[in-house]
Each structure stands twice: as structure tokens, then as C-alpha cells.
Amino acid sequence: MKTALRLAALSTLAISSFGTSFAPQAAQASTFGERAVAQDDFVAVAAPIGNSGRHQLLVIEQQSNRRDCWSENGSTVNPLLANFDFTGICGRYTDSNGYSIRTAGQDLGVQYNLRTVRQGSDLVLQGVPFLPNRPTIELGRAPYSNDFVRIDLNDGWEFSKRTYQGRALGHVYLSNAETLTALTQNSNTSASRPSTPTPPRQPQEKQPSQPSQPSQEEPVRDEMALSNNQQERMTEIRQSYLAENGRLEAELNQARQELQEMMIGDASTRQIRRQRNTVERLRQRISDNRFSSMMAVREVMSVEQRTAFADSMDLDNADMDAVLTALTR
């Protein structure tokens, strides 16, 4: 079961690689609305990336009561949706195409990237700014384990769904009613702890104190030595990518809903097949958009920078979202 979801998560990273860290344009973000949801229908999970010791954020949504999408044992989460076709039953969100931060009614996908970072014996869910000289926001914590573990959100944070022209999209917000200014003023060392206490861990699970692990981001950033012009160009590529991806995502969600309605209704087999082809074409266009953006970022790099990047990273297992965010900070 764990292997299946890890493979799914890694496949998502491989497909989206460069694309997952791209931020939408402010004009695009301002068109989105927000809808409240039942909090018990969602769980934030720190999902392990292979055996690297690192984690990425996974959000699971229970969309119907036909089957459970996950189970919990203390802080450990069993992602049950990996064992069956969860279409129409569960939602799975694995990168910035599927989730982002929203504060005081403002979509912050253009400003912040969600990342899961180890700090001592904890895994911390952070909002990391794309631009320098802006503070990091803490959204929640989980006990460190090389397993799927529940992230308890800090006070004031909750799940909601993105809307476009009144229609709910397949995008989850981690939302807070406070303004970004208020949150950043209190997030450096005094962030509120989760309102739901984390179950105590057994003594045998405690690990002895160890020196901090060196971050891969620092050597990568140092060896890449991107110029200001290169960073600006990469930021432009990111913005263009997510603006187009947001449009395609809205079309795909609409097409999926129409397909589901056809399956339930009286549509002919030919009509259903035609609609399924529309869904598949949109999925392919999203994949093509990601690949084109990846190639555009590659063109910005010199041969030496590409070499340094490949030599510094285990490209088969790298958290590309985290690395590429670091390159433009």
C-alpha cells in the first residue's frame, strides 16, 4: 500500500517536475473565489518521498461515503485510496496545482509555496515565499516519521475549496481569516500550535539528537549561480505556466463533471466516448504545458548550470518543487 502511493506521488513529481513550483499571475488569482467545506472530509498528510527522509504535502478529500479514503492510527495515516479506483470517492492533491494558501480572501499562490520541512523531531508545514526578504509562515506540524503522518493545522487554518464563477474546482485552499501581514508578524517564533494535540509517541520511537541535515538547496543554489536576469525569466515562465494551467484545470473539471453526468444519465455510448476523449485531450494539454515550461526553464540555464544541477541532485528522487523554488529565492 505504501509503495503504491509513493509511486503515485513520485509519478506526479516526475510529470510536473518544473511546473509544480510555478506561481499564478496576480490577475489570474484574483478571479478565484472560495467555498467553505466540512473539515472532517479532509486530512493534511506528510507523505514520504521514497527513502530520502524527506516529505511532501499530500491532501486527501473524502468526497463520498462509499469507501473510506484513509484511516488513522495515532498520528500515522493509512492512505486507503491507493488500494482502489477512487474516482468520485476521494480527492488527492499532491502539488501546487492541487493546493495553495489563501488568507483574508486573498489567493497567495503567486507569493507562497507549501512545503514540508523537518525541524528536529517535527515535520513543519510551511508557506515559503517565492521572493526574498519575506517571512516564512508556519501552518502546522506533525511528529517526524518516515511514514505517512497527519499534519495538525495551527489555530486559524482550515481547508476550503477554490471556486471559479461560482463553480467549485479541484483545488484545495489552506485558508486563514487573518491577513498576510498579521500572520507573518506572528509566524517567526510564536506560531500558534495545532489545536488538536498530537498523540504522544512511545519512548522507543524517540531518536537521539542528531546534527542538522544539510539542505540540498544551499549547494544547488551556490553551484547554479543564477543571475538576476535568469531568476526573473524563470519567474516569468512560472507565472505563464500556472496562468495557462489554471485555465486548463477549469476546463478539465468541467469536462469531468459532464462525463460523470453522462454516465449517470441517458447519453449514448458514442457521446460518452467522445466526452472521455475530451477529458483525455485536456489531460494531455496539461501535461504538454508542464513539459513545455520545463524546457523553457532548461533553455534559461547554461550548459555548465545544467551540469551543476544534474551533479548536485538525485534527479530520480529529488523534490523538484522545493529545489526549483530555492533557485529563484
C-alpha atoms as a PDB file:
ATOM      1  CA  MET A   1       0.000   0.000   0.000  1.00  0.00           C
ATOM      2  CA  LYS A   2       2.738   2.466   0.971  1.00  0.00           C
ATOM      3  CA  THR A   3       4.679   1.582  -2.160  1.00  0.00           C
ATOM      4  CA  ALA A   4       1.647   2.237  -4.358  1.00  0.00           C
ATOM      5  CA  LEU A   5       1.070   5.751  -3.045  1.00  0.00           C
ATOM      6  CA  ARG A   6       4.751   6.576  -3.039  1.00  0.00           C
ATOM      7  CA  LEU A   7       4.906   5.595  -6.691  1.00  0.00           C
ATOM      8  CA  ALA A   8       1.848   7.721  -7.398  1.00  0.00           C
ATOM      9  CA  ALA A   9       3.372  10.687  -5.588  1.00  0.00           C
ATOM     10  CA  LEU A  10       6.691  10.272  -7.369  1.00  0.00           C
ATOM     11  CA  SER A  11       4.916   9.965 -10.712  1.00  0.00           C
ATOM     12  CA  THR A  12       3.183  13.265 -10.042  1.00  0.00           C
ATOM     13  CA  LEU A  13       6.527  14.889  -9.259  1.00  0.00           C
ATOM     14  CA  ALA A  14       8.131  13.417 -12.357  1.00  0.00           C
ATOM     15  CA  ILE A  15       5.341  14.655 -14.637  1.00  0.00           C
ATOM     16  CA  SER A  16       5.141  18.108 -13.106  1.00  0.00           C
ATOM     17  CA  SER A  17       8.817  18.492 -12.106  1.00  0.00           C
ATOM     18  CA  PHE A  18       9.497  22.111 -13.008  1.00  0.00           C
ATOM     19  CA  GLY A  19       5.828  23.004 -13.159  1.00  0.00           C
ATOM     20  CA  THR A  20       4.779  22.375  -9.582  1.00  0.00           C
ATOM     21  CA  SER A  21       6.578  25.368  -8.182  1.00  0.00           C
ATOM     22  CA  PHE A  22       5.213  27.837 -10.677  1.00  0.00           C
ATOM     23  CA  ALA A  23       3.058  30.650  -9.312  1.00  0.00           C
ATOM     24  CA  PRO A  24      -0.064  32.053 -10.984  1.00  0.00           C
ATOM     25  CA  GLN A  25      -0.298  35.656 -12.069  1.00  0.00           C
ATOM     26  CA  ALA A  26      -1.987  38.006  -9.642  1.00  0.00           C
ATOM     27  CA  ALA A  27      -4.672  38.816 -12.185  1.00  0.00           C
ATOM     28  CA  GLN A  28      -5.449  35.123 -12.559  1.00  0.00           C
ATOM     29  CA  ALA A  29      -5.538  34.582  -8.786  1.00  0.00           C
ATOM     30  CA  SER A  30      -7.973  37.444  -8.247  1.00  0.00           C
ATOM     31  CA  THR A  31     -10.627  35.693 -10.342  1.00  0.00           C
ATOM     32  CA  PHE A  32     -10.920  32.781  -7.913  1.00  0.00           C
ATOM     33  CA  GLY A  33     -13.397  32.583  -5.064  1.00  0.00           C
ATOM     34  CA  GLU A  34     -13.598  30.322  -2.025  1.00  0.00           C
ATOM     35  CA  ARG A  35     -16.141  27.880  -0.610  1.00  0.00           C
ATOM     36  CA  ALA A  36     -16.305  26.521   2.936  1.00  0.00           C
ATOM     37  CA  VAL A  37     -16.081  22.737   3.348  1.00  0.00           C
ATOM     38  CA  ALA A  38     -16.627  20.153   6.096  1.00  0.00           C
ATOM     39  CA  GLN A  39     -13.228  19.941   7.804  1.00  0.00           C
ATOM     40  CA  ASP A  40     -13.645  16.266   8.684  1.00  0.00           C
ATOM     41  CA  ASP A  41     -13.696  15.463   4.965  1.00  0.00           C
ATOM     42  CA  PHE A  42     -10.039  16.477   4.577  1.00  0.00           C
ATOM     43  CA  VAL A  43      -6.696  15.491   6.036  1.00  0.00           C
ATOM     44  CA  ALA A  44      -3.249  17.011   5.511  1.00  0.00           C
ATOM     45  CA  VAL A  45      -0.557  14.351   5.328  1.00  0.00           C
ATOM     46  CA  ALA A  46       3.230  14.493   5.265  1.00  0.00           C
ATOM     47  CA  ALA A  47       3.959  11.843   2.614  1.00  0.00           C
ATOM     48  CA  PRO A  48       7.456  10.314   2.446  1.00  0.00           C
ATOM     49  CA  ILE A  49       9.414  10.706  -0.781  1.00  0.00           C
ATOM     50  CA  GLY A  50      10.861   7.237  -1.232  1.00  0.00           C
ATOM     51  CA  ASN A  51      13.527   6.527   1.379  1.00  0.00           C
ATOM     52  CA  SER A  52      15.049  10.004   1.189  1.00  0.00           C
ATOM     53  CA  GLY A  53      13.845  11.005   4.666  1.00  0.00           C
ATOM     54  CA  ARG A  54      12.034  13.969   3.108  1.00  0.00           C
ATOM     55  CA  HIS A  55       8.289  14.532   2.792  1.00  0.00           C
ATOM     56  CA  GLN A  56       5.829  16.416   0.626  1.00  0.00           C
ATOM     57  CA  LEU A  57       2.344  17.647   1.426  1.00  0.00           C
ATOM     58  CA  LEU A  58      -0.499  15.334   0.422  1.00  0.00           C
ATOM     59  CA  VAL A  59      -4.116  16.416   0.954  1.00  0.00           C
ATOM     60  CA  ILE A  60      -6.815  13.736   0.844  1.00  0.00           C
ATOM     61  CA  GLU A  61     -10.517  14.554   0.490  1.00  0.00           C
ATOM     62  CA  GLN A  62     -13.429  12.240   1.317  1.00  0.00           C
ATOM     63  CA  GLN A  63     -15.889  13.036  -1.484  1.00  0.00           C
ATOM     64  CA  SER A  64     -18.474  10.313  -0.831  1.00  0.00           C
ATOM     65  CA  ASN A  65     -19.221   7.743   1.867  1.00  0.00           C
ATOM     66  CA  ARG A  66     -18.949   4.709  -0.427  1.00  0.00           C
ATOM     67  CA  ARG A  67     -15.490   3.815   0.911  1.00  0.00           C
ATOM     68  CA  ASP A  68     -13.083   5.339   3.399  1.00  0.00           C
ATOM     69  CA  CYS A  69     -10.263   7.254   1.726  1.00  0.00           C
ATOM     70  CA  TRP A  70      -7.906   7.000   4.684  1.00  0.00           C
ATOM     71  CA  SER A  71      -7.641   5.648   8.218  1.00  0.00           C
ATOM     72  CA  GLU A  72      -5.581   6.829  11.176  1.00  0.00           C
ATOM     73  CA  ASN A  73      -3.645   5.107  13.948  1.00  0.00           C
ATOM     74  CA  GLY A  74      -2.366   7.807  16.256  1.00  0.00           C
ATOM     75  CA  SER A  75      -0.523  10.234  14.001  1.00  0.00           C
ATOM     76  CA  THR A  76       0.065   7.629  11.266  1.00  0.00           C
ATOM     77  CA  VAL A  77      -2.207   7.817   8.230  1.00  0.00           C
ATOM     78  CA  ASN A  78      -3.076   4.850   6.048  1.00  0.00           C
ATOM     79  CA  PRO A  79      -3.997   6.247   2.590  1.00  0.00           C
ATOM     80  CA  LEU A  80      -6.627   3.652   1.712  1.00  0.00           C
ATOM     81  CA  LEU A  81      -7.420   5.309  -1.620  1.00  0.00           C
ATOM     82  CA  ALA A  82      -4.220   3.757  -3.012  1.00  0.00           C
ATOM     83  CA  ASN A  83      -5.959   0.377  -2.963  1.00  0.00           C
ATOM     84  CA  PHE A  84      -8.898   1.099  -5.276  1.00  0.00           C
ATOM     85  CA  ASP A  85     -10.166   3.296  -8.103  1.00  0.00           C
ATOM     86  CA  PHE A  86     -11.116   6.354  -6.057  1.00  0.00           C
ATOM     87  CA  THR A  87     -12.706   8.368  -8.878  1.00  0.00           C
ATOM     88  CA  GLY A  88     -15.750  10.145  -7.460  1.00  0.00           C
ATOM     89  CA  ILE A  89     -14.973   8.803  -3.972  1.00  0.00           C
ATOM     90  CA  CYS A  90     -11.766  10.544  -2.928  1.00  0.00           C
ATOM     91  CA  GLY A  91      -9.724  13.562  -3.937  1.00  0.00           C
ATOM     92  CA  ARG A  92      -5.927  13.504  -3.874  1.00  0.00           C
ATOM     93  CA  TYR A  93      -3.881  16.714  -4.105  1.00  0.00           C
ATOM     94  CA  THR A  94      -0.100  16.405  -4.327  1.00  0.00           C
ATOM     95  CA  ASP A  95       1.358  19.706  -5.543  1.00  0.00           C
ATOM     96  CA  SER A  96       0.671  23.394  -6.142  1.00  0.00           C
ATOM     97  CA  ASN A  97      -1.735  22.528  -8.946  1.00  0.00           C
ATOM     98  CA  GLY A  98      -3.960  20.999  -6.262  1.00  0.00           C
ATOM     99  CA  TYR A  99      -3.455  23.231  -3.207  1.00  0.00           C
ATOM    100  CA  SER A 100      -2.301  26.694  -2.178  1.00  0.00           C
ATOM    101  CA  ILE A 101      -2.566  29.250   0.628  1.00  0.00           C
ATOM    102  CA  ARG A 102      -5.374  31.790   0.983  1.00  0.00           C
ATOM    103  CA  THR A 103      -5.518  34.486   3.660  1.00  0.00           C
ATOM    104  CA  ALA A 104      -8.206  37.088   4.306  1.00  0.00           C
ATOM    105  CA  GLY A 105      -9.827  36.218   0.976  1.00  0.00           C
ATOM    106  CA  GLN A 106      -6.587  36.638  -0.988  1.00  0.00           C
ATOM    107  CA  ASP A 107      -5.121  33.810  -3.072  1.00  0.00           C
ATOM    108  CA  LEU A 108      -1.394  33.598  -2.232  1.00  0.00           C
ATOM    109  CA  GLY A 109      -0.371  31.065  -4.876  1.00  0.00           C
ATOM    110  CA  VAL A 110       1.602  33.844  -6.550  1.00  0.00           C
ATOM    111  CA  GLN A 111       3.531  34.572  -3.353  1.00  0.00           C
ATOM    112  CA  TYR A 112       3.904  31.366  -1.327  1.00  0.00           C
ATOM    113  CA  ASN A 113       4.696  27.716  -1.930  1.00  0.00           C
ATOM    114  CA  LEU A 114       3.631  24.969   0.512  1.00  0.00           C
ATOM    115  CA  ARG A 115       6.462  22.772   1.726  1.00  0.00           C
ATOM    116  CA  THR A 116       7.019  20.161   4.443  1.00  0.00           C
ATOM    117  CA  VAL A 117      10.340  20.637   6.237  1.00  0.00           C
ATOM    118  CA  ARG A 118      11.965  18.665   9.025  1.00  0.00           C
ATOM    119  CA  GLN A 119      12.845  20.604  12.176  1.00  0.00           C
ATOM    120  CA  GLY A 120      14.336  18.315  14.816  1.00  0.00           C
ATOM    121  CA  SER A 121      11.718  15.704  15.755  1.00  0.00           C
ATOM    122  CA  ASP A 122       8.928  17.535  13.903  1.00  0.00           C
ATOM    123  CA  LEU A 123       7.771  17.934  10.333  1.00  0.00           C
ATOM    124  CA  VAL A 124       6.658  21.529   9.783  1.00  0.00           C
ATOM    125  CA  LEU A 125       4.218  22.603   7.083  1.00  0.00           C
ATOM    126  CA  GLN A 126       5.443  25.971   5.858  1.00  0.00           C
ATOM    127  CA  GLY A 127       4.412  28.637   3.427  1.00  0.00           C
ATOM    128  CA  VAL A 128       7.711  29.560   1.774  1.00  0.00           C
ATOM    129  CA  PRO A 129       7.846  32.849  -0.168  1.00  0.00           C
ATOM    130  CA  PHE A 130       8.894  32.870  -3.800  1.00  0.00           C
ATOM    131  CA  LEU A 131      10.563  36.260  -3.368  1.00  0.00           C
ATOM    132  CA  PRO A 132      13.388  37.095  -0.942  1.00  0.00           C
ATOM    133  CA  ASN A 133      13.031  39.215   2.197  1.00  0.00           C
ATOM    134  CA  ARG A 134       9.600  37.838   3.052  1.00  0.00           C
ATOM    135  CA  PRO A 135       8.965  35.714   6.150  1.00  0.00           C
ATOM    136  CA  THR A 136       8.039  32.055   6.155  1.00  0.00           C
ATOM    137  CA  ILE A 137       4.597  31.129   7.509  1.00  0.00           C
ATOM    138  CA  GLU A 138       4.049  28.074   9.695  1.00  0.00           C
ATOM    139  CA  LEU A 139       0.718  26.320   9.052  1.00  0.00           C
ATOM    140  CA  GLY A 140       1.015  23.095  11.048  1.00  0.00           C
ATOM    141  CA  ARG A 141       3.174  20.294  12.445  1.00  0.00           C
ATOM    142  CA  ALA A 142       3.483  16.521  12.640  1.00  0.00           C
ATOM    143  CA  PRO A 143       5.839  14.188  14.510  1.00  0.00           C
ATOM    144  CA  TYR A 144       8.700  13.104  12.276  1.00  0.00           C
ATOM    145  CA  SER A 145       8.471   9.587  10.886  1.00  0.00           C
ATOM    146  CA  ASN A 146       9.475   8.086   7.557  1.00  0.00           C
ATOM    147  CA  ASP A 147       5.836   7.211   7.035  1.00  0.00           C
ATOM    148  CA  PHE A 148       2.548   8.916   6.172  1.00  0.00           C
ATOM    149  CA  VAL A 149       1.736  11.151   9.151  1.00  0.00           C
ATOM    150  CA  ARG A 150      -1.116  13.554   9.846  1.00  0.00           C
ATOM    151  CA  ILE A 151      -0.273  17.249   9.928  1.00  0.00           C
ATOM    152  CA  ASP A 152      -2.259  19.077  12.604  1.00  0.00           C
ATOM    153  CA  LEU A 153      -3.007  22.577  11.337  1.00  0.00           C
ATOM    154  CA  ASN A 154      -2.246  25.524  13.588  1.00  0.00           C
ATOM    155  CA  ASP A 155      -5.097  27.529  15.087  1.00  0.00           C
ATOM    156  CA  GLY A 156      -6.936  29.596  12.492  1.00  0.00           C
ATOM    157  CA  TRP A 157      -6.036  27.410   9.495  1.00  0.00           C
ATOM    158  CA  GLU A 158      -8.652  25.298   7.752  1.00  0.00           C
ATOM    159  CA  PHE A 159      -9.465  23.666   4.430  1.00  0.00           C
ATOM    160  CA  SER A 160     -11.649  25.287   1.755  1.00  0.00           C
ATOM    161  CA  LYS A 161     -12.194  24.821  -1.992  1.00  0.00           C
ATOM    162  CA  ARG A 162     -11.312  27.181  -4.817  1.00  0.00           C
ATOM    163  CA  THR A 163     -14.219  28.379  -6.968  1.00  0.00           C
ATOM    164  CA  TYR A 164     -14.403  29.967 -10.404  1.00  0.00           C
ATOM    165  CA  GLN A 165     -17.583  31.834 -11.383  1.00  0.00           C
ATOM    166  CA  GLY A 166     -19.364  30.041  -8.556  1.00  0.00           C
ATOM    167  CA  ARG A 167     -18.237  26.539  -9.562  1.00  0.00           C
ATOM    168  CA  ALA A 168     -16.014  24.531  -7.199  1.00  0.00           C
ATOM    169  CA  LEU A 169     -12.702  23.475  -8.760  1.00  0.00           C
ATOM    170  CA  GLY A 170     -10.387  20.603  -7.967  1.00  0.00           C
ATOM    171  CA  HIS A 171      -8.136  22.848  -5.890  1.00  0.00           C
ATOM    172  CA  VAL A 172      -7.894  22.995  -2.086  1.00  0.00           C
ATOM    173  CA  TYR A 173      -7.005  26.076  -0.089  1.00  0.00           C
ATOM    174  CA  LEU A 174      -5.309  26.070   3.286  1.00  0.00           C
ATOM    175  CA  SER A 175      -7.157  29.144   4.426  1.00  0.00           C
ATOM    176  CA  ASN A 176      -6.876  31.629   7.262  1.00  0.00           C
ATOM    177  CA  ALA A 177      -9.159  34.593   8.003  1.00  0.00           C
ATOM    178  CA  GLU A 178      -6.244  36.776   9.139  1.00  0.00           C
ATOM    179  CA  THR A 179      -4.324  38.997   6.761  1.00  0.00           C
ATOM    180  CA  LEU A 180      -0.896  38.040   5.485  1.00  0.00           C
ATOM    181  CA  THR A 181       0.621  40.936   7.444  1.00  0.00           C
ATOM    182  CA  ALA A 182      -0.897  39.725  10.709  1.00  0.00           C
ATOM    183  CA  LEU A 183       0.208  36.146  10.077  1.00  0.00           C
ATOM    184  CA  THR A 184       3.775  36.992   9.132  1.00  0.00           C
ATOM    185  CA  GLN A 185       4.177  39.218  12.185  1.00  0.00           C
ATOM    186  CA  ASN A 186       3.441  36.241  14.421  1.00  0.00           C
ATOM    187  CA  SER A 187       4.882  33.309  12.487  1.00  0.00           C
ATOM    188  CA  ASN A 188       8.630  33.531  13.070  1.00  0.00           C
ATOM    189  CA  THR A 189       8.951  32.106  16.566  1.00  0.00           C
ATOM    190  CA  SER A 190       5.483  32.348  18.078  1.00  0.00           C
ATOM    191  CA  ALA A 191       3.255  30.500  15.621  1.00  0.00           C
ATOM    192  CA  SER A 192       0.170  29.019  17.244  1.00  0.00           C
ATOM    193  CA  ARG A 193       0.447  25.323  17.877  1.00  0.00           C
ATOM    194  CA  PRO A 194      -2.164  22.933  16.490  1.00  0.00           C
ATOM    195  CA  SER A 195      -5.469  22.978  18.353  1.00  0.00           C
ATOM    196  CA  THR A 196      -5.691  19.181  18.050  1.00  0.00           C
ATOM    197  CA  PRO A 197      -2.952  17.701  20.275  1.00  0.00           C
ATOM    198  CA  THR A 198      -0.619  15.256  18.617  1.00  0.00           C
ATOM    199  CA  PRO A 199      -0.851  11.803  20.262  1.00  0.00           C
ATOM    200  CA  PRO A 200       2.228  11.159  22.431  1.00  0.00           C
ATOM    201  CA  ARG A 201       4.837   8.951  20.865  1.00  0.00           C
ATOM    202  CA  GLN A 202       6.143   5.875  22.629  1.00  0.00           C
ATOM    203  CA  PRO A 203       9.576   6.219  24.302  1.00  0.00           C
ATOM    204  CA  GLN A 204      11.160   3.658  21.972  1.00  0.00           C
ATOM    205  CA  GLU A 205      10.256   5.836  18.995  1.00  0.00           C
ATOM    206  CA  LYS A 206      12.318   8.779  20.198  1.00  0.00           C
ATOM    207  CA  GLN A 207      15.507   9.322  18.296  1.00  0.00           C
ATOM    208  CA  PRO A 208      18.692  10.697  19.870  1.00  0.00           C
ATOM    209  CA  SER A 209      19.564  14.244  18.984  1.00  0.00           C
ATOM    210  CA  GLN A 210      21.458  14.468  15.720  1.00  0.00           C
ATOM    211  CA  PRO A 211      23.168  17.316  13.917  1.00  0.00           C
ATOM    212  CA  SER A 212      21.000  19.131  11.430  1.00  0.00           C
ATOM    213  CA  GLN A 213      20.988  17.606   7.981  1.00  0.00           C
ATOM    214  CA  PRO A 214      22.493  19.912   5.363  1.00  0.00           C
ATOM    215  CA  SER A 215      19.897  21.212   2.969  1.00  0.00           C
ATOM    216  CA  GLN A 216      20.261  20.236  -0.676  1.00  0.00           C
ATOM    217  CA  GLU A 217      19.024  23.659  -1.661  1.00  0.00           C
ATOM    218  CA  GLU A 218      22.095  25.583  -0.491  1.00  0.00           C
ATOM    219  CA  PRO A 219      24.726  23.669  -2.519  1.00  0.00           C
ATOM    220  CA  VAL A 220      22.434  23.618  -5.543  1.00  0.00           C
ATOM    221  CA  ARG A 221      21.852  27.373  -5.340  1.00  0.00           C
ATOM    222  CA  ASP A 222      25.556  28.049  -4.811  1.00  0.00           C
ATOM    223  CA  GLU A 223      26.684  25.906  -7.742  1.00  0.00           C
ATOM    224  CA  MET A 224      23.988  27.147 -10.111  1.00  0.00           C
ATOM    225  CA  ALA A 225      24.871  30.821  -9.601  1.00  0.00           C
ATOM    226  CA  LEU A 226      21.793  32.057 -11.445  1.00  0.00           C
ATOM    227  CA  SER A 227      21.917  35.684 -12.477  1.00  0.00           C
ATOM    228  CA  ASN A 228      19.129  38.118 -11.629  1.00  0.00           C
ATOM    229  CA  ASN A 229      18.015  38.017 -15.255  1.00  0.00           C
ATOM    230  CA  GLN A 230      17.816  34.223 -15.173  1.00  0.00           C
ATOM    231  CA  GLN A 231      15.773  34.248 -11.972  1.00  0.00           C
ATOM    232  CA  GLU A 232      13.426  36.862 -13.397  1.00  0.00           C
ATOM    233  CA  ARG A 233      12.992  34.811 -16.565  1.00  0.00           C
ATOM    234  CA  MET A 234      12.224  31.663 -14.540  1.00  0.00           C
ATOM    235  CA  THR A 235       9.653  33.579 -12.539  1.00  0.00           C
ATOM    236  CA  GLU A 236       8.010  34.748 -15.783  1.00  0.00           C
ATOM    237  CA  ILE A 237       7.904  31.153 -17.029  1.00  0.00           C
ATOM    238  CA  ARG A 238       6.277  30.051 -13.780  1.00  0.00           C
ATOM    239  CA  GLN A 239       3.645  32.739 -13.983  1.00  0.00           C
ATOM    240  CA  SER A 240       2.845  31.920 -17.597  1.00  0.00           C
ATOM    241  CA  TYR A 241       2.673  28.214 -16.794  1.00  0.00           C
ATOM    242  CA  LEU A 242       0.155  28.469 -13.978  1.00  0.00           C
ATOM    243  CA  ALA A 243      -1.979  31.039 -15.742  1.00  0.00           C
ATOM    244  CA  GLU A 244      -2.432  28.558 -18.606  1.00  0.00           C
ATOM    245  CA  ASN A 245      -2.661  25.604 -16.245  1.00  0.00           C
ATOM    246  CA  GLY A 246      -5.400  27.283 -14.216  1.00  0.00           C
ATOM    247  CA  ARG A 247      -7.457  27.761 -17.380  1.00  0.00           C
ATOM    248  CA  LEU A 248      -6.949  24.146 -18.451  1.00  0.00           C
ATOM    249  CA  GLU A 249      -7.736  22.910 -14.953  1.00  0.00           C
ATOM    250  CA  ALA A 250     -11.087  24.711 -15.003  1.00  0.00           C
ATOM    251  CA  GLU A 251     -11.890  23.190 -18.419  1.00  0.00           C
ATOM    252  CA  LEU A 252     -10.862  19.720 -17.222  1.00  0.00           C
ATOM    253  CA  ASN A 253     -13.036  19.910 -14.115  1.00  0.00           C
ATOM    254  CA  GLN A 254     -15.989  20.987 -16.249  1.00  0.00           C
ATOM    255  CA  ALA A 255     -15.358  18.148 -18.714  1.00  0.00           C
ATOM    256  CA  ARG A 256     -15.068  15.593 -15.910  1.00  0.00           C
ATOM    257  CA  GLN A 257     -18.341  16.716 -14.393  1.00  0.00           C
ATOM    258  CA  GLU A 258     -20.089  16.489 -17.760  1.00  0.00           C
ATOM    259  CA  LEU A 259     -18.673  12.986 -18.245  1.00  0.00           C
ATOM    260  CA  GLN A 260     -19.965  11.919 -14.846  1.00  0.00           C
ATOM    261  CA  GLU A 261     -23.411  13.324 -15.633  1.00  0.00           C
ATOM    262  CA  MET A 262     -23.423  11.452 -18.958  1.00  0.00           C
ATOM    263  CA  MET A 263     -22.532   8.179 -17.219  1.00  0.00           C
ATOM    264  CA  ILE A 264     -25.475   8.610 -14.864  1.00  0.00           C
ATOM    265  CA  GLY A 265     -27.918   9.905 -17.474  1.00  0.00           C
ATOM    266  CA  ASP A 266     -29.218   8.687 -20.838  1.00  0.00           C
ATOM    267  CA  ALA A 267     -26.283   9.635 -23.055  1.00  0.00           C
ATOM    268  CA  SER A 268     -25.313   7.167 -25.778  1.00  0.00           C
ATOM    269  CA  THR A 269     -22.077   5.187 -25.692  1.00  0.00           C
ATOM    270  CA  ARG A 270     -20.799   7.285 -28.585  1.00  0.00           C
ATOM    271  CA  GLN A 271     -21.464  10.533 -26.720  1.00  0.00           C
ATOM    272  CA  ILE A 272     -19.749   9.197 -23.603  1.00  0.00           C
ATOM    273  CA  ARG A 273     -16.706   8.072 -25.589  1.00  0.00           C
ATOM    274  CA  ARG A 274     -16.487  11.483 -27.243  1.00  0.00           C
ATOM    275  CA  GLN A 275     -16.625  13.214 -23.857  1.00  0.00           C
ATOM    276  CA  ARG A 276     -13.993  10.860 -22.448  1.00  0.00           C
ATOM    277  CA  ASN A 277     -11.731  11.779 -25.375  1.00  0.00           C
ATOM    278  CA  THR A 278     -12.235  15.446 -24.478  1.00  0.00           C
ATOM    279  CA  VAL A 279     -11.127  14.722 -20.904  1.00  0.00           C
ATOM    280  CA  GLU A 280      -8.057  12.831 -22.110  1.00  0.00           C
ATOM    281  CA  ARG A 281      -7.098  15.631 -24.521  1.00  0.00           C
ATOM    282  CA  LEU A 282      -7.276  18.173 -21.707  1.00  0.00           C
ATOM    283  CA  ARG A 283      -5.103  15.983 -19.508  1.00  0.00           C
ATOM    284  CA  GLN A 284      -2.584  15.753 -22.327  1.00  0.00           C
ATOM    285  CA  ARG A 285      -2.618  19.519 -22.824  1.00  0.00           C
ATOM    286  CA  ILE A 286      -1.887  19.990 -19.116  1.00  0.00           C
ATOM    287  CA  SER A 287       1.000  17.525 -19.375  1.00  0.00           C
ATOM    288  CA  ASP A 288       2.289  19.258 -22.524  1.00  0.00           C
ATOM    289  CA  ASN A 289       2.112  22.627 -20.769  1.00  0.00           C
ATOM    290  CA  ARG A 290       4.212  21.275 -17.912  1.00  0.00           C
ATOM    291  CA  PHE A 291       6.795  19.799 -20.275  1.00  0.00           C
ATOM    292  CA  SER A 292       6.992  22.977 -22.386  1.00  0.00           C
ATOM    293  CA  SER A 293       7.569  25.020 -19.237  1.00  0.00           C
ATOM    294  CA  MET A 294      10.265  22.598 -18.109  1.00  0.00           C
ATOM    295  CA  MET A 295      12.000  23.001 -21.466  1.00  0.00           C
ATOM    296  CA  ALA A 296      11.709  26.780 -21.222  1.00  0.00           C
ATOM    297  CA  VAL A 297      13.433  26.723 -17.820  1.00  0.00           C
ATOM    298  CA  ARG A 298      16.116  24.432 -19.242  1.00  0.00           C
ATOM    299  CA  GLU A 299      16.796  26.935 -22.032  1.00  0.00           C
ATOM    300  CA  VAL A 300      17.469  29.640 -19.446  1.00  0.00           C
ATOM    301  CA  MET A 301      20.346  27.611 -17.991  1.00  0.00           C
ATOM    302  CA  SER A 302      23.823  27.441 -19.464  1.00  0.00           C
ATOM    303  CA  VAL A 303      25.415  24.049 -20.146  1.00  0.00           C
ATOM    304  CA  GLU A 304      27.534  24.488 -17.024  1.00  0.00           C
ATOM    305  CA  GLN A 305      24.484  25.254 -14.895  1.00  0.00           C
ATOM    306  CA  ARG A 306      22.637  22.208 -16.231  1.00  0.00           C
ATOM    307  CA  THR A 307      25.655  20.081 -15.382  1.00  0.00           C
ATOM    308  CA  ALA A 308      25.916  21.535 -11.874  1.00  0.00           C
ATOM    309  CA  PHE A 309      22.219  20.962 -11.353  1.00  0.00           C
ATOM    310  CA  ALA A 310      22.383  17.325 -12.504  1.00  0.00           C
ATOM    311  CA  ASP A 311      25.534  16.646 -10.450  1.00  0.00           C
ATOM    312  CA  SER A 312      24.087  18.214  -7.287  1.00  0.00           C
ATOM    313  CA  MET A 313      20.751  16.436  -7.323  1.00  0.00           C
ATOM    314  CA  ASP A 314      19.489  12.877  -7.364  1.00  0.00           C
ATOM    315  CA  LEU A 315      17.082  13.650 -10.198  1.00  0.00           C
ATOM    316  CA  ASP A 316      15.234  10.352  -9.809  1.00  0.00           C
ATOM    317  CA  ASN A 317      14.177  11.166  -6.240  1.00  0.00           C
ATOM    318  CA  ALA A 318      14.582  14.932  -5.921  1.00  0.00           C
ATOM    319  CA  ASP A 319      11.785  17.103  -4.543  1.00  0.00           C
ATOM    320  CA  MET A 320      11.831  19.272  -7.670  1.00  0.00           C
ATOM    321  CA  ASP A 321       9.237  21.651  -6.259  1.00  0.00           C
ATOM    322  CA  ALA A 322      11.498  22.522  -3.327  1.00  0.00           C
ATOM    323  CA  VAL A 323      14.690  22.731  -5.388  1.00  0.00           C
ATOM    324  CA  LEU A 324      13.301  24.981  -8.120  1.00  0.00           C
ATOM    325  CA  THR A 325      11.687  27.250  -5.567  1.00  0.00           C
ATOM    326  CA  ALA A 326      15.095  27.627  -3.944  1.00  0.00           C
ATOM    327  CA  LEU A 327      16.718  28.534  -7.262  1.00  0.00           C
ATOM    328  CA  THR A 328      14.681  31.735  -7.534  1.00  0.00           C
ATOM    329  CA  ARG A 329      14.836  32.854  -3.924  1.00  0.00           C
END
